[in-house]
């Protein structure tokens, strides 16, 4: 358990992931210093240093990021500033103050053509500006400070916020026929499950006499795999919405940024090192919809 005299600093605390992290950590671990992106702009070095100097910090959990995948294609400087340069500054402060750092990355850094669950040692081939900026952030952390957990995750959603689940619920209530991409494979990840795993990782590390074997990069997602089309159909089924879904391909949407055709993550390393395994994505989706009050089952 964390030192009662210290805090866990969470950046990007207003996003769907940040909210889940704050909820999971604050209730069972230690007081959380929750900084929304408006309250703390991580690209402002002076503001960041002031935040770290305001209290005794035991952990940093960085949930702040530039996440507009298509928008990043025309905003390379902004994406790199938030996802790499600012992350490097956070890592430097953590190194100087001896603070362990948790940072979230993306399945998009792989995109390597493999069609079996991807492991942390597999080749990386980021093709979008967003993916390039996320990998750059990873690299600068690894170069700067060894006490880190870089968590690559995929297809995040929550019962609130802007995500595929809520978009489908909105569109499904307005339309009886939708075209959904069916040629991308991945694993939807419920942020409450992700946050719970983060809480467990912190506890396991702090309870360990030798922490050296835990630091590094991990894939972390709900178990199983699906396409956006099958994911949408599950949403409508569980929410009792009568929507006719038609499968289509990625090219038909003509998105600005390329998407990986296959980004199912292997969580074997997470299980081997921490003994953790997230539940299947369908079970997680049912739980999320029940919490949201949209489940028909």
Protein backbone atom coordinates (compact mmCIF):
# COMPACT_ATOMS: atom_id res chain seq x y z
CA UNK A 1 0.00 0.00 0.00
CA UNK A 2 1.27 3.47 -0.78
CA UNK A 3 2.77 5.70 1.86
CA UNK A 4 -0.08 7.45 3.67
CA UNK A 5 1.95 10.63 3.51
CA UNK A 6 2.04 10.70 -0.28
CA UNK A 7 -0.26 11.04 -3.27
CA UNK A 8 -0.85 9.46 -6.64
CA UNK A 9 -0.79 12.20 -9.27
CA UNK A 10 -3.14 11.55 -12.19
CA UNK A 11 -2.98 13.71 -15.31
CA UNK A 12 -5.78 13.84 -17.86
CA UNK A 13 -8.19 13.03 -15.03
CA UNK A 14 -11.22 14.37 -16.90
CA UNK A 15 -11.12 11.78 -19.70
CA UNK A 16 -12.83 8.40 -19.64
CA UNK A 17 -9.60 6.63 -18.67
CA UNK A 18 -8.55 9.27 -16.16
CA UNK A 19 -11.90 9.14 -14.38
CA UNK A 20 -11.72 5.37 -14.08
CA UNK A 21 -8.14 5.51 -12.80
CA UNK A 22 -9.00 8.12 -10.18
CA UNK A 23 -12.00 6.10 -9.01
CA UNK A 24 -10.05 2.86 -8.75
CA UNK A 25 -7.03 4.32 -6.98
CA UNK A 26 -8.61 6.89 -4.68
CA UNK A 27 -11.02 4.44 -3.10
CA UNK A 28 -8.55 1.75 -2.13
CA UNK A 29 -5.00 2.99 -2.33
CA UNK A 30 -4.00 6.56 -1.55
CA UNK A 31 -5.20 10.13 -1.97
CA UNK A 32 -5.25 11.09 -5.63
CA UNK A 33 -4.18 14.45 -7.00
CA UNK A 34 -6.50 14.56 -10.00
CA UNK A 35 -5.53 17.09 -12.65
CA UNK A 36 -7.84 17.56 -15.60
CA UNK A 37 -6.26 18.67 -18.87
CA UNK A 38 -7.66 22.16 -18.25
CA UNK A 39 -6.25 22.26 -14.74
CA UNK A 40 -2.85 20.96 -15.79
CA UNK A 41 -1.56 21.21 -19.35
CA UNK A 42 1.26 18.67 -19.48
CA UNK A 43 2.86 20.60 -22.36
CA UNK A 44 3.49 23.49 -19.92
CA UNK A 45 6.73 22.56 -18.10
CA UNK A 46 6.36 25.23 -15.41
CA UNK A 47 2.84 24.11 -14.55
CA UNK A 48 3.92 20.49 -14.41
CA UNK A 49 6.84 21.22 -12.10
CA UNK A 50 4.56 23.24 -9.83
CA UNK A 51 2.13 20.33 -9.61
CA UNK A 52 4.89 17.93 -8.60
CA UNK A 53 6.23 20.31 -5.99
CA UNK A 54 2.85 20.96 -4.36
CA UNK A 55 2.64 17.57 -2.58
CA UNK A 56 4.70 14.45 -1.91
CA UNK A 57 4.07 12.29 -4.97
CA UNK A 58 4.45 8.50 -4.76
CA UNK A 59 3.27 7.62 -8.26
CA UNK A 60 2.46 9.35 -11.53
CA UNK A 61 -0.30 7.93 -13.73
CA UNK A 62 -0.32 9.83 -17.01
CA UNK A 63 -3.69 9.67 -18.76
CA UNK A 64 -3.21 12.91 -20.70
CA UNK A 65 -2.68 12.54 -24.44
CA UNK A 66 -3.49 13.84 -27.89
CA UNK A 67 -6.03 11.21 -28.99
CA UNK A 68 -7.63 12.61 -32.16
CA UNK A 69 -6.30 9.97 -34.55
CA UNK A 70 -7.54 11.58 -37.76
CA UNK A 71 -6.90 15.13 -36.58
CA UNK A 72 -3.28 14.28 -35.85
CA UNK A 73 -2.63 13.74 -39.56
CA UNK A 74 -2.71 17.53 -39.94
CA UNK A 75 -1.37 18.36 -36.49
CA UNK A 76 2.01 16.68 -36.24
CA UNK A 77 3.55 19.32 -33.90
CA UNK A 78 0.61 19.22 -31.47
CA UNK A 79 0.52 15.40 -31.39
CA UNK A 80 4.27 15.15 -30.81
CA UNK A 81 4.22 17.88 -28.18
CA UNK A 82 1.57 16.13 -26.07
CA UNK A 83 2.43 12.48 -26.73
CA UNK A 84 6.22 12.66 -26.80
CA UNK A 85 7.86 15.94 -25.72
CA UNK A 86 5.63 16.48 -22.69
CA UNK A 87 5.86 12.80 -21.77
CA UNK A 88 9.64 13.09 -21.83
CA UNK A 89 9.47 16.00 -19.41
CA UNK A 90 7.22 13.99 -17.09
CA UNK A 91 9.71 11.11 -17.19
CA UNK A 92 12.57 13.47 -16.38
CA UNK A 93 10.78 14.87 -13.34
CA UNK A 94 9.91 11.36 -12.17
CA UNK A 95 13.55 10.34 -12.52
CA UNK A 96 14.79 13.34 -10.58
CA UNK A 97 12.25 12.76 -7.78
CA UNK A 98 12.44 8.94 -7.87
CA UNK A 99 8.73 8.56 -8.68
CA UNK A 100 7.45 5.46 -10.55
CA UNK A 101 5.57 6.37 -13.72
CA UNK A 102 2.62 4.69 -15.46
CA UNK A 103 1.91 5.74 -19.04
CA UNK A 104 -0.65 4.51 -21.58
CA UNK A 105 0.19 3.70 -25.17
CA UNK A 106 -1.69 2.20 -28.08
CA UNK A 107 -2.17 -0.95 -30.14
CA UNK A 108 -1.59 1.35 -33.15
CA UNK A 109 2.19 1.19 -32.61
CA UNK A 110 2.24 -2.39 -33.97
CA UNK A 111 0.43 -2.49 -37.35
CA UNK A 112 3.02 -5.05 -38.44
CA UNK A 113 0.98 -7.38 -40.66
CA UNK A 114 0.92 -10.24 -38.17
CA UNK A 115 -2.43 -11.97 -37.66
CA UNK A 116 -1.99 -13.63 -34.28
CA UNK A 117 -2.11 -11.98 -30.82
CA UNK A 118 0.67 -9.41 -30.68
CA UNK A 119 3.35 -9.58 -28.00
CA UNK A 120 5.44 -6.74 -26.62
CA UNK A 121 8.54 -7.98 -28.49
CA UNK A 122 6.87 -8.02 -31.91
CA UNK A 123 7.97 -5.57 -34.64
CA UNK A 124 6.57 -2.05 -34.44
CA UNK A 125 5.34 -0.24 -37.52
CA UNK A 126 3.38 2.91 -36.60
CA UNK A 127 1.84 4.37 -39.78
CA UNK A 128 -0.33 7.23 -38.56
CA UNK A 129 0.96 10.45 -36.99
CA UNK A 130 -0.91 9.51 -33.82
CA UNK A 131 0.83 6.11 -33.69
CA UNK A 132 4.23 7.66 -34.43
CA UNK A 133 3.75 10.16 -31.59
CA UNK A 134 2.71 7.42 -29.16
CA UNK A 135 5.76 5.30 -29.95
CA UNK A 136 7.99 8.36 -29.62
CA UNK A 137 6.55 8.87 -26.13
CA UNK A 138 7.31 5.26 -25.24
CA UNK A 139 10.87 5.56 -26.48
CA UNK A 140 11.63 8.72 -24.55
CA UNK A 141 10.32 7.18 -21.33
CA UNK A 142 12.50 4.11 -21.79
CA UNK A 143 15.53 6.30 -22.47
CA UNK A 144 14.89 8.53 -19.46
CA UNK A 145 13.61 6.55 -16.47
CA UNK A 146 13.60 2.83 -15.76
CA UNK A 147 10.86 2.87 -13.11
CA UNK A 148 8.02 2.86 -15.58
CA UNK A 149 5.05 0.83 -16.72
CA UNK A 150 4.13 1.52 -20.34
CA UNK A 151 0.72 -0.02 -20.94
CA UNK A 152 -0.34 -0.61 -24.55
CA UNK A 153 -4.10 -0.95 -24.75
CA UNK A 154 -6.83 -0.97 -27.39
CA UNK A 155 -10.34 0.23 -28.26
CA UNK A 156 -11.05 1.96 -24.94
CA UNK A 157 -14.62 2.61 -23.88
CA UNK A 158 -16.66 3.55 -20.82
CA UNK A 159 -20.28 4.17 -19.94
CA UNK A 160 -19.57 7.88 -20.41
CA UNK A 161 -17.47 10.01 -22.71
CA UNK A 162 -16.72 9.90 -26.44
CA UNK A 163 -16.15 6.31 -27.57
CA UNK A 164 -17.49 3.67 -29.95
CA UNK A 165 -19.99 2.29 -27.44
CA UNK A 166 -21.72 5.61 -26.84
CA UNK A 167 -21.56 6.52 -30.52
CA UNK A 168 -23.33 3.27 -31.42
CA UNK A 169 -25.96 3.76 -28.71
CA UNK A 170 -26.67 7.24 -30.05
CA UNK A 171 -26.73 6.21 -33.71
CA UNK A 172 -28.69 3.07 -32.95
CA UNK A 173 -31.43 5.09 -31.28
CA UNK A 174 -31.64 7.37 -34.33
CA UNK A 175 -31.22 4.88 -37.19
CA UNK A 176 -32.49 1.42 -38.05
CA UNK A 177 -29.70 0.66 -40.52
CA UNK A 178 -25.96 1.24 -40.01
CA UNK A 179 -22.85 0.31 -41.96
CA UNK A 180 -20.03 -0.85 -39.66
CA UNK A 181 -16.42 -1.71 -40.51
CA UNK A 182 -15.83 -5.47 -40.45
CA UNK A 183 -12.19 -5.79 -41.59
CA UNK A 184 -10.39 -4.60 -38.44
CA UNK A 185 -9.76 -7.08 -35.63
CA UNK A 186 -9.07 -6.00 -32.06
CA UNK A 187 -10.28 -6.17 -28.47
CA UNK A 188 -12.57 -3.56 -26.89
CA UNK A 189 -11.20 -2.64 -23.46
CA UNK A 190 -13.42 -1.43 -20.64
CA UNK A 191 -11.60 1.33 -18.75
CA UNK A 192 -12.93 0.12 -15.39
CA UNK A 193 -11.20 -3.23 -15.95
CA UNK A 194 -8.03 -1.48 -17.07
CA UNK A 195 -8.07 0.80 -14.03
CA UNK A 196 -8.61 -2.15 -11.70
CA UNK A 197 -5.59 -3.89 -13.22
CA UNK A 198 -3.49 -0.74 -12.75
CA UNK A 199 -4.49 -0.66 -9.09
CA UNK A 200 -3.41 -4.30 -8.73
CA UNK A 201 -0.08 -3.64 -10.48
CA UNK A 202 0.74 -0.79 -8.11
CA UNK A 203 -0.15 -2.91 -5.09
CA UNK A 204 1.90 -5.88 -6.29
CA UNK A 205 4.95 -3.70 -6.97
CA UNK A 206 4.74 -1.98 -3.61
CA UNK A 207 4.32 -5.27 -1.77
CA UNK A 208 7.37 -6.73 -3.50
CA UNK A 209 10.77 -6.67 -1.85
CA UNK A 210 12.47 -6.47 -5.24
CA UNK A 211 10.65 -4.23 -7.71
CA UNK A 212 13.21 -4.51 -10.51
CA UNK A 213 11.46 -7.35 -12.33
CA UNK A 214 8.21 -5.45 -12.83
CA UNK A 215 9.20 -2.35 -14.79
CA UNK A 216 8.72 -2.33 -18.54
CA UNK A 217 6.16 -2.41 -21.35
CA UNK A 218 2.96 -4.45 -21.19
CA UNK A 219 -0.03 -5.15 -23.39
CA UNK A 220 -3.30 -4.88 -21.49
CA UNK A 221 -6.77 -5.39 -22.95
CA UNK A 222 -9.91 -7.35 -22.34
CA UNK A 223 -9.65 -10.96 -23.52
CA UNK A 224 -10.91 -12.23 -26.86
CA UNK A 225 -11.19 -10.52 -30.22
CA UNK A 226 -13.83 -9.03 -32.47
CA UNK A 227 -14.44 -6.64 -35.34
CA UNK A 228 -16.13 -3.25 -35.05
CA UNK A 229 -19.14 -4.80 -36.83
CA UNK A 230 -19.47 -7.71 -34.38
CA UNK A 231 -18.80 -5.32 -31.48
CA UNK A 232 -21.65 -3.07 -32.66
CA UNK A 233 -24.00 -6.02 -33.00
CA UNK A 234 -23.19 -7.08 -29.43
CA UNK A 235 -23.88 -3.55 -28.20
CA UNK A 236 -27.28 -3.48 -29.87
CA UNK A 237 -28.13 -6.98 -28.64
CA UNK A 238 -27.20 -6.25 -25.02
CA UNK A 239 -28.93 -2.85 -25.10
CA UNK A 240 -32.07 -4.32 -26.75
CA UNK A 241 -31.85 -1.97 -29.74
CA UNK A 242 -33.33 -3.16 -33.03
CA UNK A 243 -30.72 -2.06 -35.56
CA UNK A 244 -29.87 -3.68 -38.89
CA UNK A 245 -26.07 -3.73 -39.20
CA UNK A 246 -24.39 -4.05 -42.57
CA UNK A 247 -20.68 -4.99 -42.70
CA UNK A 248 -18.42 -2.80 -44.78
CA UNK A 249 -14.68 -2.27 -45.23
CA UNK A 250 -12.27 0.33 -43.87
CA UNK A 251 -11.65 1.88 -47.27
CA UNK A 252 -15.30 2.90 -47.61
CA UNK A 253 -14.93 5.38 -44.75
CA UNK A 254 -11.91 7.11 -46.28
CA UNK A 255 -10.51 8.09 -42.89
CA UNK A 256 -7.55 10.47 -42.81
CA UNK A 257 -5.36 8.15 -40.72
CA UNK A 258 -4.62 4.49 -41.49
CA UNK A 259 -5.97 1.92 -39.03
CA UNK A 260 -4.37 -1.43 -38.19
CA UNK A 261 -6.22 -4.35 -39.77
CA UNK A 262 -5.16 -6.57 -36.87
CA UNK A 263 -4.35 -5.35 -33.38
CA UNK A 264 -5.39 -8.11 -30.99
CA UNK A 265 -2.99 -7.88 -28.05
CA UNK A 266 -1.46 -10.84 -26.24
CA UNK A 267 -1.70 -10.31 -22.49
CA UNK A 268 0.57 -13.25 -21.68
CA UNK A 269 3.36 -11.08 -20.25
CA UNK A 270 0.90 -9.30 -17.95
CA UNK A 271 -0.29 -12.68 -16.70
CA UNK A 272 3.22 -14.11 -16.36
CA UNK A 273 4.65 -11.17 -14.40
CA UNK A 274 1.67 -9.87 -12.44
CA UNK A 275 -0.71 -12.83 -12.51
CA UNK A 276 -3.40 -10.61 -14.03
CA UNK A 277 -5.92 -11.35 -16.76
CA UNK A 278 -8.81 -9.13 -17.82
CA UNK A 279 -12.22 -10.67 -18.46
CA UNK A 280 -13.57 -11.36 -21.94
CA UNK A 281 -14.67 -8.27 -23.84
CA UNK A 282 -18.30 -9.45 -24.09
CA UNK A 283 -18.60 -9.91 -20.33
CA UNK A 284 -17.02 -6.49 -19.80
CA UNK A 285 -19.43 -4.91 -22.29
CA UNK A 286 -22.44 -6.40 -20.49
CA UNK A 287 -21.16 -5.07 -17.17
CA UNK A 288 -20.57 -1.60 -18.62
CA UNK A 289 -24.06 -1.45 -20.13
CA UNK A 290 -25.60 -2.58 -16.85
CA UNK A 291 -23.77 0.23 -15.05
CA UNK A 292 -24.91 2.66 -17.71
CA UNK A 293 -28.49 1.45 -17.40
CA UNK A 294 -28.78 0.38 -21.06
CA UNK A 295 -28.76 -3.37 -20.73
CA UNK A 296 -31.85 -5.17 -21.82
CA UNK A 297 -30.73 -8.44 -20.28
